[in-house]
Amino acid sequence: RAVELHPDGQVVTWGPARAHRQTYRELGERTARLASSLEHVLGVRPGDRIGTFGWNSHRHLELHFAVPSMGAVLNALNVRLHPEQVARIANRAGSRVIFVDGALLPQFAKVEGSLRTVEHVVVMGGHPGARGHDYEALLAQGSPDHRFPDLDEDTAAVLCFTSGTTGE
C-alpha cells in the first residue's frame, strides 16, 4: 500500500554507524526480490519457518514484510539469550533458514552446531563464510516482479517465544 500511495516517501532505519534511507518503492522492490529468492533459490514454501538472529535494520524490516507475505513464518531469535536457548528455540520452531547479522557471527557460531533443522544461513552485512549465503547476493538473484500469493487471513505470520525467564 505504501509503495502505491507514497512510493517516494522515506523509510529511515539506524545502522551501526549511520542512518540508512530508502524509499517505499525501494523497500517494495527489495521485499519482492527477497521473497522471490527465498522461494526460487532457497526453496522456501508457505508454512516454512524463517529465523532471524540480528539487530533491527533495513534488512530485518525487509524480512518482516517478505516472509509473512509469501506465507512463510518469521521467528525472531533473541540475540541476548544463551546459545543453548537460541538453539532450542530455532529447533523447536523448525527453522529452515536463519538470517544472521554479520556483527553477530561470532555469537551465532556458538549456536550453529546445535541446529538440527536449518538448511541455509544467510548473512546480513558481513562475510558469509563457507556455509552461508550473502544477503545482498541473494536479493540480486530475485525478481522485483515477484507475485505474492493471496493468503487466508488466518495464515500464520510470526512465531514468538517468550524469553524463558520463568522457565523453559
Protein backbone atom coordinates (compact mmCIF):
# COMPACT_ATOMS: atom_id res chain seq x y z
CA ARG A 1 0.00 0.00 0.00
CA ALA A 2 2.81 2.42 0.86
CA VAL A 3 4.54 1.58 -2.43
CA GLU A 4 1.40 2.55 -4.33
CA LEU A 5 0.38 5.61 -2.30
CA HIS A 6 3.75 7.03 -1.21
CA PRO A 7 6.46 5.50 -3.44
CA ASP A 8 8.91 8.34 -2.82
CA GLY A 9 8.29 8.52 0.95
CA GLN A 10 11.35 7.63 3.00
CA VAL A 11 11.93 4.78 5.39
CA VAL A 12 14.82 5.53 7.76
CA THR A 13 16.50 2.89 9.92
CA TRP A 14 19.52 3.38 12.12
CA GLY A 15 22.57 1.26 11.40
CA PRO A 16 25.77 0.71 13.38
CA ALA A 17 27.34 3.96 12.19
CA ARG A 18 24.68 5.90 10.34
CA ALA A 19 21.10 6.12 9.22
CA HIS A 20 20.02 4.04 6.24
CA ARG A 21 17.49 5.67 3.93
CA GLN A 22 15.37 4.09 1.25
CA THR A 23 12.08 4.94 -0.39
CA TYR A 24 8.96 2.83 -0.06
CA ARG A 25 9.47 1.96 -3.74
CA GLU A 26 12.94 0.61 -2.95
CA LEU A 27 11.63 -1.23 0.11
CA GLY A 28 8.91 -2.81 -2.02
CA GLU A 29 11.37 -3.89 -4.69
CA ARG A 30 13.82 -5.36 -2.19
CA THR A 31 10.98 -7.15 -0.39
CA ALA A 32 9.81 -8.69 -3.67
CA ARG A 33 13.37 -9.74 -4.57
CA LEU A 34 13.83 -11.30 -1.13
CA ALA A 35 10.59 -13.29 -1.33
CA SER A 36 11.45 -14.38 -4.87
CA SER A 37 14.91 -15.56 -3.79
CA LEU A 38 13.57 -17.34 -0.73
CA GLU A 39 11.15 -19.26 -2.93
CA HIS A 40 13.22 -19.91 -6.06
CA VAL A 41 16.78 -20.06 -4.71
CA LEU A 42 16.36 -21.47 -1.19
CA GLY A 43 13.14 -23.43 -1.78
CA VAL A 44 11.07 -21.78 0.97
CA ARG A 45 7.39 -22.71 0.85
CA PRO A 46 4.30 -21.44 2.69
CA GLY A 47 4.39 -22.53 6.31
CA ASP A 48 8.18 -22.83 6.45
CA ARG A 49 9.86 -21.20 9.44
CA ILE A 50 12.46 -18.50 8.82
CA GLY A 51 14.61 -17.41 11.77
CA THR A 52 16.38 -14.12 12.26
CA PHE A 53 19.35 -13.54 14.54
CA GLY A 54 20.07 -9.88 14.08
CA TRP A 55 19.76 -6.28 15.09
CA ASN A 56 16.95 -4.05 13.88
CA SER A 57 17.98 -2.85 10.43
CA HIS A 58 16.61 -2.22 6.97
CA ARG A 59 17.30 -5.86 6.15
CA HIS A 60 15.34 -7.02 9.18
CA LEU A 61 12.46 -4.78 8.08
CA GLU A 62 12.56 -6.35 4.61
CA LEU A 63 12.30 -9.78 6.22
CA HIS A 64 9.29 -8.66 8.26
CA PHE A 65 7.47 -7.85 5.02
CA ALA A 66 8.75 -10.59 2.69
CA VAL A 67 8.46 -13.69 4.87
CA PRO A 68 4.83 -13.41 6.08
CA SER A 69 3.69 -12.00 2.72
CA MET A 70 4.84 -15.17 0.97
CA GLY A 71 3.08 -17.39 3.52
CA ALA A 72 6.17 -18.39 5.49
CA VAL A 73 6.51 -17.72 9.23
CA LEU A 74 9.07 -15.32 10.72
CA ASN A 75 10.75 -16.26 14.00
CA ALA A 76 12.98 -13.57 15.52
CA LEU A 77 15.57 -15.19 17.77
CA ASN A 78 16.58 -13.16 20.81
CA VAL A 79 20.28 -12.31 20.45
CA ARG A 80 20.57 -11.80 24.21
CA LEU A 81 19.66 -15.37 25.15
CA HIS A 82 22.20 -18.07 25.98
CA PRO A 83 23.30 -20.09 22.90
CA GLU A 84 21.56 -23.23 24.22
CA GLN A 85 18.27 -21.33 24.47
CA VAL A 86 18.63 -19.86 20.99
CA ALA A 87 19.31 -23.32 19.52
CA ARG A 88 16.37 -24.84 21.41
CA ILE A 89 14.01 -22.17 20.09
CA ALA A 90 15.25 -22.44 16.49
CA ASN A 91 14.97 -26.23 16.61
CA ARG A 92 11.54 -26.19 18.21
CA ALA A 93 10.34 -23.68 15.62
CA GLY A 94 11.73 -25.88 12.87
CA SER A 95 13.58 -23.00 11.21
CA ARG A 96 14.81 -24.00 7.73
CA VAL A 97 16.65 -20.73 7.08
CA ILE A 98 18.27 -18.33 9.53
CA PHE A 99 19.29 -14.78 8.68
CA VAL A 100 22.25 -13.64 10.80
CA ASP A 101 23.57 -10.13 11.24
CA GLY A 102 27.25 -10.09 10.24
CA ALA A 103 28.19 -8.42 13.52
CA LEU A 104 26.69 -11.38 15.39
CA LEU A 105 28.52 -14.17 13.55
CA PRO A 106 30.88 -14.94 16.48
CA GLN A 107 27.89 -15.26 18.79
CA PHE A 108 25.95 -17.32 16.22
CA ALA A 109 28.91 -19.70 15.86
CA LYS A 110 28.15 -20.87 19.42
CA VAL A 111 24.61 -21.79 18.32
CA GLU A 112 25.13 -23.14 14.83
CA GLY A 113 26.49 -26.58 15.74
CA SER A 114 23.32 -27.38 17.71
CA LEU A 115 20.85 -26.53 14.94
CA ARG A 116 19.02 -29.57 13.59
CA THR A 117 16.57 -28.14 11.06
CA VAL A 118 18.50 -25.28 9.46
CA GLU A 119 19.39 -25.83 5.82
CA HIS A 120 20.61 -22.33 4.94
CA VAL A 121 22.29 -19.47 6.77
CA VAL A 122 22.10 -16.03 5.19
CA VAL A 123 24.48 -13.36 6.45
CA MET A 124 23.25 -9.78 6.52
CA GLY A 125 26.05 -7.25 6.17
CA GLY A 126 29.05 -9.48 6.67
CA HIS A 127 31.13 -12.26 5.10
CA PRO A 128 29.03 -15.44 4.88
CA GLY A 129 31.89 -17.92 5.10
CA ALA A 130 31.76 -21.42 3.64
CA ARG A 131 28.23 -22.38 4.67
CA GLY A 132 26.30 -19.16 4.32
CA HIS A 133 24.73 -17.02 1.65
CA ASP A 134 25.31 -13.29 1.30
CA TYR A 135 22.06 -11.33 1.79
CA GLU A 136 22.69 -8.80 -0.99
CA ALA A 137 23.82 -11.52 -3.44
CA LEU A 138 20.67 -13.47 -2.60
CA LEU A 139 18.50 -10.41 -3.29
CA ALA A 140 20.25 -9.87 -6.62
CA GLN A 141 19.02 -13.29 -7.74
CA GLY A 142 15.38 -12.43 -7.03
CA SER A 143 12.77 -10.83 -9.24
CA PRO A 144 11.42 -7.37 -8.43
CA ASP A 145 8.17 -8.52 -10.08
CA HIS A 146 7.55 -11.36 -7.63
CA ARG A 147 3.84 -12.02 -7.17
CA PHE A 148 2.79 -12.61 -3.58
CA PRO A 149 0.03 -15.18 -3.04
CA ASP A 150 -3.41 -14.32 -1.74
CA LEU A 151 -3.31 -15.64 1.82
CA ASP A 152 -6.13 -16.55 4.14
CA GLU A 153 -6.39 -14.04 6.99
CA ASP A 154 -5.70 -16.84 9.49
CA THR A 155 -2.36 -17.76 7.88
CA ALA A 156 0.44 -17.78 10.46
CA ALA A 157 2.83 -14.85 10.03
CA VAL A 158 5.12 -14.66 13.06
CA LEU A 159 6.21 -17.16 15.70
CA CYS A 160 7.26 -15.61 19.02
CA PHE A 161 8.81 -17.34 22.00
CA THR A 162 8.97 -15.77 25.45
CA SER A 163 12.36 -15.02 26.95
CA GLY A 164 12.30 -18.04 29.24
CA THR A 165 12.72 -16.00 32.41
CA THR A 166 10.11 -18.11 34.19
CA GLY A 167 11.18 -21.49 32.83
CA GLU A 168 11.72 -23.37 29.59
